[in-house]
């Protein structure tokens, strides 16, 4: 970028306003200074709501399209203020003094969060306008310019709140920023096609190549996912395929070769692999949910290298995200 364009870019970062700035959506996190969600230093906006239920999901708070209550039992001192203030009687005391949360009764009003003196409770997910999101994005304009970074809209599934995502992408482009969209691909094709028109990069997830295995692992078959990947590949937008690698689930040589061959024949080149980790397990407990892959262990370096080698044999550029 030359100095004239850089200066113009800086003005737009300070003064740009999205036409749909008042539109709102549910955001569960905005992470600044991200290095693995596209080129350069980025701000990643994580939206709530996802059509899939991947067994290994490390952000279970992203799945439901509404705010949810986190309860960290390890911080709870059983003062029972939460029980006293709950207007819906969703929090009760069990035999032995433990706290029980009936999440069917809980309306996430936040009164127990306000009453807790130990920060054992928190609400994940809040409604934000597009302009509020862009206000956060603007803060790191200098980092974007110096690193070639920008904004990534992720989830959950970014297309789940398609209108909100579209306005964030448009608003970010209005600020002169590089935009990236992360998607699981399980969404209406026309909707996704509209979103990628405002994305400089698409990060497209592949979970499994076999329809039945995909359904067992995510709750949905993959026909729509693969069709959408074909559409995105034909669109001309830059694409990086992302593959979570889960031991015993999708790391077989057969599946990896099927994926490598498919990606190659679409004319795509770049693949990010995301080796399995257990960093999100505590979130399941805080949401009162069961994590079904407790038995799995973090992948060994040599196993990750084997995955890389198989995919590279198809002429793909493979990186670990």
C-alpha atoms as a PDB file:
ATOM      1  CA  UNK A   1       0.000   0.000   0.000  1.00  0.00           C
ATOM      2  CA  UNK A   2       1.500   3.368  -0.977  1.00  0.00           C
ATOM      3  CA  UNK A   3       1.600   6.323   1.393  1.00  0.00           C
ATOM      4  CA  UNK A   4      -1.338   8.099  -0.298  1.00  0.00           C
ATOM      5  CA  UNK A   5      -3.595   5.066   0.019  1.00  0.00           C
ATOM      6  CA  UNK A   6      -2.405   4.429   3.557  1.00  0.00           C
ATOM      7  CA  UNK A   7      -3.411   7.928   4.573  1.00  0.00           C
ATOM      8  CA  UNK A   8      -6.821   7.590   2.912  1.00  0.00           C
ATOM      9  CA  UNK A   9      -7.223   4.224   4.664  1.00  0.00           C
ATOM     10  CA  UNK A  10      -6.546   5.811   8.032  1.00  0.00           C
ATOM     11  CA  UNK A  11      -9.210   8.482   7.536  1.00  0.00           C
ATOM     12  CA  UNK A  12     -11.797   5.863   6.619  1.00  0.00           C
ATOM     13  CA  UNK A  13     -10.965   3.863   9.706  1.00  0.00           C
ATOM     14  CA  UNK A  14     -11.729   6.884  11.849  1.00  0.00           C
ATOM     15  CA  UNK A  15     -14.795   8.167  10.023  1.00  0.00           C
ATOM     16  CA  UNK A  16     -16.453   5.215   8.276  1.00  0.00           C
ATOM     17  CA  UNK A  17     -19.988   4.284   9.265  1.00  0.00           C
ATOM     18  CA  UNK A  18     -21.920   1.246   8.050  1.00  0.00           C
ATOM     19  CA  UNK A  19     -25.340   1.945   6.441  1.00  0.00           C
ATOM     20  CA  UNK A  20     -26.829  -0.884   8.537  1.00  0.00           C
ATOM     21  CA  UNK A  21     -25.069   0.240  11.715  1.00  0.00           C
ATOM     22  CA  UNK A  22     -28.196  -0.048  13.873  1.00  0.00           C
ATOM     23  CA  UNK A  23     -28.847  -3.693  12.988  1.00  0.00           C
ATOM     24  CA  UNK A  24     -28.059  -5.971  15.918  1.00  0.00           C
ATOM     25  CA  UNK A  25     -27.124  -9.580  16.572  1.00  0.00           C
ATOM     26  CA  UNK A  26     -25.886 -11.886  19.320  1.00  0.00           C
ATOM     27  CA  UNK A  27     -22.111 -11.913  19.811  1.00  0.00           C
ATOM     28  CA  UNK A  28     -20.385 -14.225  22.279  1.00  0.00           C
ATOM     29  CA  UNK A  29     -16.858 -12.913  21.891  1.00  0.00           C
ATOM     30  CA  UNK A  30     -14.709 -10.428  20.005  1.00  0.00           C
ATOM     31  CA  UNK A  31     -11.044 -11.369  20.089  1.00  0.00           C
ATOM     32  CA  UNK A  32      -8.449  -8.821  19.115  1.00  0.00           C
ATOM     33  CA  UNK A  33      -4.917  -9.565  17.926  1.00  0.00           C
ATOM     34  CA  UNK A  34      -5.793 -12.928  16.386  1.00  0.00           C
ATOM     35  CA  UNK A  35      -3.123 -14.582  14.239  1.00  0.00           C
ATOM     36  CA  UNK A  36      -4.823 -17.757  12.965  1.00  0.00           C
ATOM     37  CA  UNK A  37      -8.035 -16.511  11.364  1.00  0.00           C
ATOM     38  CA  UNK A  38      -6.652 -15.105   8.148  1.00  0.00           C
ATOM     39  CA  UNK A  39      -3.627 -13.017   7.121  1.00  0.00           C
ATOM     40  CA  UNK A  40      -1.944 -10.559   9.450  1.00  0.00           C
ATOM     41  CA  UNK A  41      -3.240  -9.357  12.784  1.00  0.00           C
ATOM     42  CA  UNK A  42      -7.017  -9.592  12.935  1.00  0.00           C
ATOM     43  CA  UNK A  43     -10.064  -8.986  15.048  1.00  0.00           C
ATOM     44  CA  UNK A  44     -12.333 -12.035  15.044  1.00  0.00           C
ATOM     45  CA  UNK A  45     -16.027 -11.564  15.761  1.00  0.00           C
ATOM     46  CA  UNK A  46     -17.670 -14.726  17.109  1.00  0.00           C
ATOM     47  CA  UNK A  47     -21.435 -14.942  16.628  1.00  0.00           C
ATOM     48  CA  UNK A  48     -23.836 -17.274  18.419  1.00  0.00           C
ATOM     49  CA  UNK A  49     -25.888 -19.858  16.586  1.00  0.00           C
ATOM     50  CA  UNK A  50     -24.811 -22.940  14.631  1.00  0.00           C
ATOM     51  CA  UNK A  51     -26.784 -25.600  12.699  1.00  0.00           C
ATOM     52  CA  UNK A  52     -24.224 -28.322  13.509  1.00  0.00           C
ATOM     53  CA  UNK A  53     -23.449 -30.107  16.765  1.00  0.00           C
ATOM     54  CA  UNK A  54     -19.888 -31.320  16.247  1.00  0.00           C
ATOM     55  CA  UNK A  55     -18.902 -33.719  19.007  1.00  0.00           C
ATOM     56  CA  UNK A  56     -15.539 -31.966  19.481  1.00  0.00           C
ATOM     57  CA  UNK A  57     -16.830 -28.377  19.396  1.00  0.00           C
ATOM     58  CA  UNK A  58     -14.527 -26.299  21.595  1.00  0.00           C
ATOM     59  CA  UNK A  59     -16.998 -23.413  21.815  1.00  0.00           C
ATOM     60  CA  UNK A  60     -20.277 -24.994  22.943  1.00  0.00           C
ATOM     61  CA  UNK A  61     -21.511 -21.532  23.928  1.00  0.00           C
ATOM     62  CA  UNK A  62     -21.567 -20.742  20.200  1.00  0.00           C
ATOM     63  CA  UNK A  63     -24.241 -23.303  19.345  1.00  0.00           C
ATOM     64  CA  UNK A  64     -27.435 -21.731  20.673  1.00  0.00           C
ATOM     65  CA  UNK A  65     -28.498 -18.414  19.096  1.00  0.00           C
ATOM     66  CA  UNK A  66     -29.273 -16.754  22.415  1.00  0.00           C
ATOM     67  CA  UNK A  67     -27.428 -15.695  25.596  1.00  0.00           C
ATOM     68  CA  UNK A  68     -26.694 -18.523  28.054  1.00  0.00           C
ATOM     69  CA  UNK A  69     -25.645 -18.817  31.672  1.00  0.00           C
ATOM     70  CA  UNK A  70     -22.158 -19.974  32.582  1.00  0.00           C
ATOM     71  CA  UNK A  71     -21.812 -21.459  36.086  1.00  0.00           C
ATOM     72  CA  UNK A  72     -18.303 -22.138  37.375  1.00  0.00           C
ATOM     73  CA  UNK A  73     -18.799 -24.429  40.358  1.00  0.00           C
ATOM     74  CA  UNK A  74     -15.143 -24.155  41.381  1.00  0.00           C
ATOM     75  CA  UNK A  75     -15.642 -20.465  42.196  1.00  0.00           C
ATOM     76  CA  UNK A  76     -18.923 -20.954  44.058  1.00  0.00           C
ATOM     77  CA  UNK A  77     -18.790 -20.559  47.852  1.00  0.00           C
ATOM     78  CA  UNK A  78     -22.448 -21.533  48.311  1.00  0.00           C
ATOM     79  CA  UNK A  79     -23.568 -18.222  49.706  1.00  0.00           C
ATOM     80  CA  UNK A  80     -26.910 -18.941  47.995  1.00  0.00           C
ATOM     81  CA  UNK A  81     -27.526 -15.342  46.985  1.00  0.00           C
ATOM     82  CA  UNK A  82     -28.296 -16.675  43.506  1.00  0.00           C
ATOM     83  CA  UNK A  83     -31.122 -18.778  44.967  1.00  0.00           C
ATOM     84  CA  UNK A  84     -32.585 -15.785  46.774  1.00  0.00           C
ATOM     85  CA  UNK A  85     -32.671 -13.470  43.768  1.00  0.00           C
ATOM     86  CA  UNK A  86     -33.766 -15.859  41.002  1.00  0.00           C
ATOM     87  CA  UNK A  87     -37.270 -14.706  39.952  1.00  0.00           C
ATOM     88  CA  UNK A  88     -37.980 -17.914  38.057  1.00  0.00           C
ATOM     89  CA  UNK A  89     -36.852 -20.398  40.746  1.00  0.00           C
ATOM     90  CA  UNK A  90     -34.379 -21.888  38.279  1.00  0.00           C
ATOM     91  CA  UNK A  91     -31.602 -22.066  40.883  1.00  0.00           C
ATOM     92  CA  UNK A  92     -32.187 -24.362  43.853  1.00  0.00           C
ATOM     93  CA  UNK A  93     -30.246 -26.094  46.606  1.00  0.00           C
ATOM     94  CA  UNK A  94     -29.776 -29.849  46.336  1.00  0.00           C
ATOM     95  CA  UNK A  95     -29.344 -32.323  49.167  1.00  0.00           C
ATOM     96  CA  UNK A  96     -25.827 -31.801  50.491  1.00  0.00           C
ATOM     97  CA  UNK A  97     -25.876 -28.087  49.678  1.00  0.00           C
ATOM     98  CA  UNK A  98     -24.859 -28.157  46.013  1.00  0.00           C
ATOM     99  CA  UNK A  99     -26.388 -25.693  43.555  1.00  0.00           C
ATOM    100  CA  UNK A 100     -28.726 -26.958  40.852  1.00  0.00           C
ATOM    101  CA  UNK A 101     -29.724 -24.932  37.775  1.00  0.00           C
ATOM    102  CA  UNK A 102     -32.863 -25.868  35.879  1.00  0.00           C
ATOM    103  CA  UNK A 103     -31.974 -24.442  32.491  1.00  0.00           C
ATOM    104  CA  UNK A 104     -35.499 -24.930  31.180  1.00  0.00           C
ATOM    105  CA  UNK A 105     -36.693 -22.430  33.772  1.00  0.00           C
ATOM    106  CA  UNK A 106     -33.709 -20.083  33.516  1.00  0.00           C
ATOM    107  CA  UNK A 107     -34.416 -17.026  31.369  1.00  0.00           C
ATOM    108  CA  UNK A 108     -30.853 -15.657  31.634  1.00  0.00           C
ATOM    109  CA  UNK A 109     -32.086 -12.456  33.246  1.00  0.00           C
ATOM    110  CA  UNK A 110     -28.684 -11.878  34.877  1.00  0.00           C
ATOM    111  CA  UNK A 111     -29.912 -11.250  38.417  1.00  0.00           C
ATOM    112  CA  UNK A 112     -27.895 -14.183  39.799  1.00  0.00           C
ATOM    113  CA  UNK A 113     -24.814 -12.894  37.966  1.00  0.00           C
ATOM    114  CA  UNK A 114     -25.208  -9.496  39.604  1.00  0.00           C
ATOM    115  CA  UNK A 115     -25.738 -11.076  43.028  1.00  0.00           C
ATOM    116  CA  UNK A 116     -22.775 -13.473  42.934  1.00  0.00           C
ATOM    117  CA  UNK A 117     -19.823 -12.069  44.929  1.00  0.00           C
ATOM    118  CA  UNK A 118     -17.340 -14.581  43.486  1.00  0.00           C
ATOM    119  CA  UNK A 119     -17.874 -14.252  39.718  1.00  0.00           C
ATOM    120  CA  UNK A 120     -18.994 -17.873  39.598  1.00  0.00           C
ATOM    121  CA  UNK A 121     -21.706 -16.873  37.132  1.00  0.00           C
ATOM    122  CA  UNK A 122     -21.554 -15.065  33.822  1.00  0.00           C
ATOM    123  CA  UNK A 123     -23.698 -14.590  30.761  1.00  0.00           C
ATOM    124  CA  UNK A 124     -22.170 -15.656  27.476  1.00  0.00           C
ATOM    125  CA  UNK A 125     -23.589 -13.826  24.501  1.00  0.00           C
ATOM    126  CA  UNK A 126     -24.889 -10.282  24.267  1.00  0.00           C
ATOM    127  CA  UNK A 127     -26.780  -8.250  21.732  1.00  0.00           C
ATOM    128  CA  UNK A 128     -24.653  -5.732  19.874  1.00  0.00           C
ATOM    129  CA  UNK A 129     -25.306  -3.396  16.980  1.00  0.00           C
ATOM    130  CA  UNK A 130     -23.134  -3.426  13.881  1.00  0.00           C
ATOM    131  CA  UNK A 131     -21.740  -0.048  14.898  1.00  0.00           C
ATOM    132  CA  UNK A 132     -20.803  -1.355  18.347  1.00  0.00           C
ATOM    133  CA  UNK A 133     -18.910  -4.205  16.690  1.00  0.00           C
ATOM    134  CA  UNK A 134     -17.170  -1.818  14.311  1.00  0.00           C
ATOM    135  CA  UNK A 135     -16.219   0.428  17.238  1.00  0.00           C
ATOM    136  CA  UNK A 136     -14.165  -2.495  18.590  1.00  0.00           C
ATOM    137  CA  UNK A 137     -12.767  -3.260  15.150  1.00  0.00           C
ATOM    138  CA  UNK A 138     -11.550   0.326  14.649  1.00  0.00           C
ATOM    139  CA  UNK A 139      -9.301   0.183  17.705  1.00  0.00           C
ATOM    140  CA  UNK A 140      -6.637  -1.891  15.963  1.00  0.00           C
ATOM    141  CA  UNK A 141      -6.478  -0.084  12.638  1.00  0.00           C
ATOM    142  CA  UNK A 142      -2.743   0.483  12.961  1.00  0.00           C
ATOM    143  CA  UNK A 143      -2.107  -3.257  13.440  1.00  0.00           C
ATOM    144  CA  UNK A 144      -4.223  -4.129  10.409  1.00  0.00           C
ATOM    145  CA  UNK A 145      -2.354  -1.703   8.180  1.00  0.00           C
ATOM    146  CA  UNK A 146       1.105  -2.773   9.319  1.00  0.00           C
ATOM    147  CA  UNK A 147       0.418  -6.518   9.120  1.00  0.00           C
ATOM    148  CA  UNK A 148      -2.011  -6.818   6.236  1.00  0.00           C
ATOM    149  CA  UNK A 149      -4.703  -7.978   8.654  1.00  0.00           C
ATOM    150  CA  UNK A 150      -8.368  -7.165   9.055  1.00  0.00           C
ATOM    151  CA  UNK A 151     -11.640  -8.577  10.324  1.00  0.00           C
ATOM    152  CA  UNK A 152     -12.894 -12.175  10.447  1.00  0.00           C
ATOM    153  CA  UNK A 153     -16.544 -13.031  11.146  1.00  0.00           C
ATOM    154  CA  UNK A 154     -16.877 -16.489  12.675  1.00  0.00           C
ATOM    155  CA  UNK A 155     -19.237 -18.454  14.891  1.00  0.00           C
ATOM    156  CA  UNK A 156     -20.899 -20.702  15.681  1.00  0.00           C
ATOM    157  CA  UNK A 157     -21.831 -20.263  12.045  1.00  0.00           C
ATOM    158  CA  UNK A 158     -21.537 -16.740  10.661  1.00  0.00           C
ATOM    159  CA  UNK A 159     -24.348 -17.373   8.144  1.00  0.00           C
ATOM    160  CA  UNK A 160     -26.733 -18.264  10.983  1.00  0.00           C
ATOM    161  CA  UNK A 161     -27.161 -14.516  11.560  1.00  0.00           C
ATOM    162  CA  UNK A 162     -26.754 -13.720   7.884  1.00  0.00           C
ATOM    163  CA  UNK A 163     -28.105 -10.171   7.873  1.00  0.00           C
ATOM    164  CA  UNK A 164     -25.960  -9.146  10.818  1.00  0.00           C
ATOM    165  CA  UNK A 165     -22.884 -10.789   9.312  1.00  0.00           C
ATOM    166  CA  UNK A 166     -23.498  -9.090   5.977  1.00  0.00           C
ATOM    167  CA  UNK A 167     -23.605  -5.646   7.579  1.00  0.00           C
ATOM    168  CA  UNK A 168     -20.417  -6.314   9.575  1.00  0.00           C
ATOM    169  CA  UNK A 169     -18.632  -7.343   6.389  1.00  0.00           C
ATOM    170  CA  UNK A 170     -19.967  -4.339   4.475  1.00  0.00           C
ATOM    171  CA  UNK A 171     -19.094  -1.985   7.319  1.00  0.00           C
ATOM    172  CA  UNK A 172     -15.585  -3.399   7.563  1.00  0.00           C
ATOM    173  CA  UNK A 173     -15.118  -2.981   3.820  1.00  0.00           C
ATOM    174  CA  UNK A 174     -16.345   0.583   4.211  1.00  0.00           C
ATOM    175  CA  UNK A 175     -13.455   1.102   6.597  1.00  0.00           C
ATOM    176  CA  UNK A 176     -11.059  -0.218   3.970  1.00  0.00           C
ATOM    177  CA  UNK A 177     -10.363  -3.450   5.841  1.00  0.00           C
ATOM    178  CA  UNK A 178      -9.596  -6.943   4.583  1.00  0.00           C
ATOM    179  CA  UNK A 179     -12.573  -9.172   5.392  1.00  0.00           C
ATOM    180  CA  UNK A 180     -12.746 -12.901   6.058  1.00  0.00           C
ATOM    181  CA  UNK A 181     -15.748 -15.162   6.584  1.00  0.00           C
ATOM    182  CA  UNK A 182     -15.511 -18.492   8.404  1.00  0.00           C
ATOM    183  CA  UNK A 183     -18.230 -21.016   7.627  1.00  0.00           C
ATOM    184  CA  UNK A 184     -19.080 -24.667   8.214  1.00  0.00           C
ATOM    185  CA  UNK A 185     -20.825 -24.598   4.831  1.00  0.00           C
ATOM    186  CA  UNK A 186     -24.099 -26.008   6.143  1.00  0.00           C
ATOM    187  CA  UNK A 187     -26.289 -23.093   5.127  1.00  0.00           C
ATOM    188  CA  UNK A 188     -28.505 -21.893   2.299  1.00  0.00           C
ATOM    189  CA  UNK A 189     -26.426 -21.589  -0.858  1.00  0.00           C
ATOM    190  CA  UNK A 190     -27.913 -18.263  -1.969  1.00  0.00           C
ATOM    191  CA  UNK A 191     -27.337 -16.809   1.493  1.00  0.00           C
ATOM    192  CA  UNK A 192     -23.719 -17.906   1.512  1.00  0.00           C
ATOM    193  CA  UNK A 193     -23.285 -16.610  -2.028  1.00  0.00           C
ATOM    194  CA  UNK A 194     -24.456 -13.183  -0.909  1.00  0.00           C
ATOM    195  CA  UNK A 195     -22.065 -13.115   2.032  1.00  0.00           C
ATOM    196  CA  UNK A 196     -18.944 -14.079   0.094  1.00  0.00           C
ATOM    197  CA  UNK A 197     -19.450 -11.115  -2.236  1.00  0.00           C
ATOM    198  CA  UNK A 198     -18.253  -9.004   0.680  1.00  0.00           C
ATOM    199  CA  UNK A 199     -15.440 -11.302   1.816  1.00  0.00           C
ATOM    200  CA  UNK A 200     -11.855 -11.139   0.608  1.00  0.00           C
ATOM    201  CA  UNK A 201     -11.242 -14.590   2.079  1.00  0.00           C
ATOM    202  CA  UNK A 202     -13.418 -17.566   2.989  1.00  0.00           C
ATOM    203  CA  UNK A 203     -12.294 -20.018   5.666  1.00  0.00           C
ATOM    204  CA  UNK A 204     -14.333 -23.117   4.820  1.00  0.00           C
ATOM    205  CA  UNK A 205     -14.546 -26.066   7.215  1.00  0.00           C
ATOM    206  CA  UNK A 206     -14.548 -29.703   6.112  1.00  0.00           C
ATOM    207  CA  UNK A 207     -15.424 -32.155   8.902  1.00  0.00           C
ATOM    208  CA  UNK A 208     -15.699 -35.483   7.055  1.00  0.00           C
ATOM    209  CA  UNK A 209     -16.075 -36.629   3.450  1.00  0.00           C
ATOM    210  CA  UNK A 210     -18.457 -39.528   4.134  1.00  0.00           C
ATOM    211  CA  UNK A 211     -22.126 -38.433   4.495  1.00  0.00           C
ATOM    212  CA  UNK A 212     -23.016 -40.988   7.178  1.00  0.00           C
ATOM    213  CA  UNK A 213     -19.898 -40.343   9.244  1.00  0.00           C
ATOM    214  CA  UNK A 214     -20.464 -36.600   8.892  1.00  0.00           C
ATOM    215  CA  UNK A 215     -23.994 -37.042  10.229  1.00  0.00           C
ATOM    216  CA  UNK A 216     -22.784 -39.091  13.189  1.00  0.00           C
ATOM    217  CA  UNK A 217     -20.145 -36.510  14.072  1.00  0.00           C
ATOM    218  CA  UNK A 218     -22.048 -33.283  13.425  1.00  0.00           C
ATOM    219  CA  UNK A 219     -25.759 -34.083  13.305  1.00  0.00           C
ATOM    220  CA  UNK A 220     -26.072 -33.357   9.571  1.00  0.00           C
ATOM    221  CA  UNK A 221     -25.001 -34.918   6.279  1.00  0.00           C
ATOM    222  CA  UNK A 222     -22.403 -33.198   4.125  1.00  0.00           C
ATOM    223  CA  UNK A 223     -24.054 -32.971   0.686  1.00  0.00           C
ATOM    224  CA  UNK A 224     -24.933 -29.288   1.191  1.00  0.00           C
ATOM    225  CA  UNK A 225     -21.494 -28.559   2.662  1.00  0.00           C
ATOM    226  CA  UNK A 226     -19.648 -29.990  -0.329  1.00  0.00           C
ATOM    227  CA  UNK A 227     -22.018 -28.318  -2.793  1.00  0.00           C
ATOM    228  CA  UNK A 228     -21.381 -24.982  -1.124  1.00  0.00           C
ATOM    229  CA  UNK A 229     -17.637 -25.539  -1.211  1.00  0.00           C
ATOM    230  CA  UNK A 230     -17.909 -26.115  -4.963  1.00  0.00           C
ATOM    231  CA  UNK A 231     -19.876 -22.869  -5.292  1.00  0.00           C
ATOM    232  CA  UNK A 232     -17.357 -20.898  -3.254  1.00  0.00           C
ATOM    233  CA  UNK A 233     -14.441 -22.391  -5.195  1.00  0.00           C
ATOM    234  CA  UNK A 234     -16.056 -21.298  -8.491  1.00  0.00           C
ATOM    235  CA  UNK A 235     -16.749 -17.780  -7.201  1.00  0.00           C
ATOM    236  CA  UNK A 236     -13.143 -16.645  -7.487  1.00  0.00           C
ATOM    237  CA  UNK A 237     -12.884 -15.538  -3.860  1.00  0.00           C
ATOM    238  CA  UNK A 238      -9.766 -16.707  -2.020  1.00  0.00           C
ATOM    239  CA  UNK A 239     -10.458 -19.889  -0.036  1.00  0.00           C
ATOM    240  CA  UNK A 240      -8.609 -21.665   2.735  1.00  0.00           C
ATOM    241  CA  UNK A 241     -10.076 -25.051   3.635  1.00  0.00           C
ATOM    242  CA  UNK A 242      -9.988 -25.774   7.366  1.00  0.00           C
ATOM    243  CA  UNK A 243      -9.962 -29.315   8.693  1.00  0.00           C
ATOM    244  CA  UNK A 244     -10.309 -30.152  12.385  1.00  0.00           C
ATOM    245  CA  UNK A 245      -8.418 -33.414  12.892  1.00  0.00           C
ATOM    246  CA  UNK A 246     -10.100 -35.562  15.525  1.00  0.00           C
ATOM    247  CA  UNK A 247      -8.470 -38.892  16.484  1.00  0.00           C
ATOM    248  CA  UNK A 248     -10.679 -41.858  15.689  1.00  0.00           C
ATOM    249  CA  UNK A 249     -13.283 -39.620  14.049  1.00  0.00           C
ATOM    250  CA  UNK A 250     -11.932 -38.175  10.820  1.00  0.00           C
ATOM    251  CA  UNK A 251      -8.173 -38.840  10.838  1.00  0.00           C
ATOM    252  CA  UNK A 252      -8.231 -42.071   8.829  1.00  0.00           C
ATOM    253  CA  UNK A 253      -6.047 -42.208   5.735  1.00  0.00           C
ATOM    254  CA  UNK A 254      -9.139 -42.982   3.650  1.00  0.00           C
ATOM    255  CA  UNK A 255     -10.910 -39.814   4.743  1.00  0.00           C
ATOM    256  CA  UNK A 256      -7.822 -37.639   4.454  1.00  0.00           C
ATOM    257  CA  UNK A 257      -7.143 -38.864   0.930  1.00  0.00           C
ATOM    258  CA  UNK A 258     -10.767 -38.324  -0.065  1.00  0.00           C
ATOM    259  CA  UNK A 259     -10.557 -34.766   1.262  1.00  0.00           C
ATOM    260  CA  UNK A 260      -7.207 -34.092  -0.382  1.00  0.00           C
ATOM    261  CA  UNK A 261      -8.436 -35.350  -3.751  1.00  0.00           C
ATOM    262  CA  UNK A 262     -11.663 -33.336  -3.517  1.00  0.00           C
ATOM    263  CA  UNK A 263      -9.887 -30.107  -2.596  1.00  0.00           C
ATOM    264  CA  UNK A 264      -7.297 -30.593  -5.341  1.00  0.00           C
ATOM    265  CA  UNK A 265      -9.890 -31.162  -8.053  1.00  0.00           C
ATOM    266  CA  UNK A 266     -11.723 -27.993  -7.026  1.00  0.00           C
ATOM    267  CA  UNK A 267      -8.558 -26.087  -7.850  1.00  0.00           C
ATOM    268  CA  UNK A 268      -8.000 -25.028  -4.244  1.00  0.00           C
ATOM    269  CA  UNK A 269      -4.528 -25.012  -2.756  1.00  0.00           C
ATOM    270  CA  UNK A 270      -4.495 -23.943   0.882  1.00  0.00           C
ATOM    271  CA  UNK A 271      -5.505 -26.117   3.829  1.00  0.00           C
ATOM    272  CA  UNK A 272      -5.313 -25.341   7.536  1.00  0.00           C
ATOM    273  CA  UNK A 273      -5.434 -28.360   9.827  1.00  0.00           C
ATOM    274  CA  UNK A 274      -6.595 -27.909  13.404  1.00  0.00           C
ATOM    275  CA  UNK A 275      -5.373 -30.788  15.603  1.00  0.00           C
ATOM    276  CA  UNK A 276      -7.727 -31.933  18.348  1.00  0.00           C
ATOM    277  CA  UNK A 277      -7.392 -30.321  21.765  1.00  0.00           C
ATOM    278  CA  UNK A 278      -9.422 -30.385  24.974  1.00  0.00           C
ATOM    279  CA  UNK A 279      -9.406 -26.666  25.778  1.00  0.00           C
ATOM    280  CA  UNK A 280     -13.185 -26.302  25.646  1.00  0.00           C
ATOM    281  CA  UNK A 281     -14.201 -29.072  28.033  1.00  0.00           C
ATOM    282  CA  UNK A 282     -14.661 -26.757  31.026  1.00  0.00           C
ATOM    283  CA  UNK A 283     -17.211 -24.747  29.050  1.00  0.00           C
ATOM    284  CA  UNK A 284     -19.467 -27.795  28.740  1.00  0.00           C
ATOM    285  CA  UNK A 285     -19.547 -28.134  32.509  1.00  0.00           C
ATOM    286  CA  UNK A 286     -20.306 -24.434  32.930  1.00  0.00           C
ATOM    287  CA  UNK A 287     -23.244 -24.782  30.539  1.00  0.00           C
ATOM    288  CA  UNK A 288     -24.488 -27.963  32.191  1.00  0.00           C
ATOM    289  CA  UNK A 289     -23.757 -29.993  29.049  1.00  0.00           C
ATOM    290  CA  UNK A 290     -22.096 -33.359  28.532  1.00  0.00           C
ATOM    291  CA  UNK A 291     -18.842 -33.611  26.565  1.00  0.00           C
ATOM    292  CA  UNK A 292     -18.820 -36.898  24.662  1.00  0.00           C
ATOM    293  CA  UNK A 293     -15.123 -37.132  23.758  1.00  0.00           C
ATOM    294  CA  UNK A 294     -13.582 -37.154  27.239  1.00  0.00           C
ATOM    295  CA  UNK A 295     -11.652 -40.305  26.311  1.00  0.00           C
ATOM    296  CA  UNK A 296      -9.662 -38.648  23.518  1.00  0.00           C
ATOM    297  CA  UNK A 297      -6.131 -37.362  24.021  1.00  0.00           C
ATOM    298  CA  UNK A 298      -4.299 -34.504  22.350  1.00  0.00           C
ATOM    299  CA  UNK A 299      -2.655 -35.531  19.096  1.00  0.00           C
ATOM    300  CA  UNK A 300       1.054 -36.350  19.034  1.00  0.00           C
ATOM    301  CA  UNK A 301       3.351 -34.319  16.815  1.00  0.00           C
ATOM    302  CA  UNK A 302       4.138 -37.340  14.640  1.00  0.00           C
ATOM    303  CA  UNK A 303       0.430 -37.991  14.052  1.00  0.00           C
ATOM    304  CA  UNK A 304      -0.097 -34.388  12.990  1.00  0.00           C
ATOM    305  CA  UNK A 305       2.866 -34.721  10.623  1.00  0.00           C
ATOM    306  CA  UNK A 306       1.319 -37.829   9.072  1.00  0.00           C
ATOM    307  CA  UNK A 307      -1.862 -35.875   8.357  1.00  0.00           C
ATOM    308  CA  UNK A 308       0.160 -33.067   6.797  1.00  0.00           C
ATOM    309  CA  UNK A 309       2.103 -35.467   4.597  1.00  0.00           C
ATOM    310  CA  UNK A 310      -1.019 -37.150   3.252  1.00  0.00           C
ATOM    311  CA  UNK A 311      -2.621 -33.841   2.293  1.00  0.00           C
ATOM    312  CA  UNK A 312       0.613 -32.442   0.867  1.00  0.00           C
ATOM    313  CA  UNK A 313       0.842 -35.465  -1.421  1.00  0.00           C
ATOM    314  CA  UNK A 314      -2.019 -33.867  -3.373  1.00  0.00           C
ATOM    315  CA  UNK A 315       0.014 -30.723  -3.984  1.00  0.00           C
ATOM    316  CA  UNK A 316      -1.735 -28.747  -1.254  1.00  0.00           C
ATOM    317  CA  UNK A 317      -0.175 -26.071   0.936  1.00  0.00           C
ATOM    318  CA  UNK A 318      -0.833 -27.326   4.450  1.00  0.00           C
ATOM    319  CA  UNK A 319      -0.430 -25.317   7.638  1.00  0.00           C
ATOM    320  CA  UNK A 320      -1.324 -25.974  11.241  1.00  0.00           C
ATOM    321  CA  UNK A 321      -3.784 -23.440  12.654  1.00  0.00           C
END
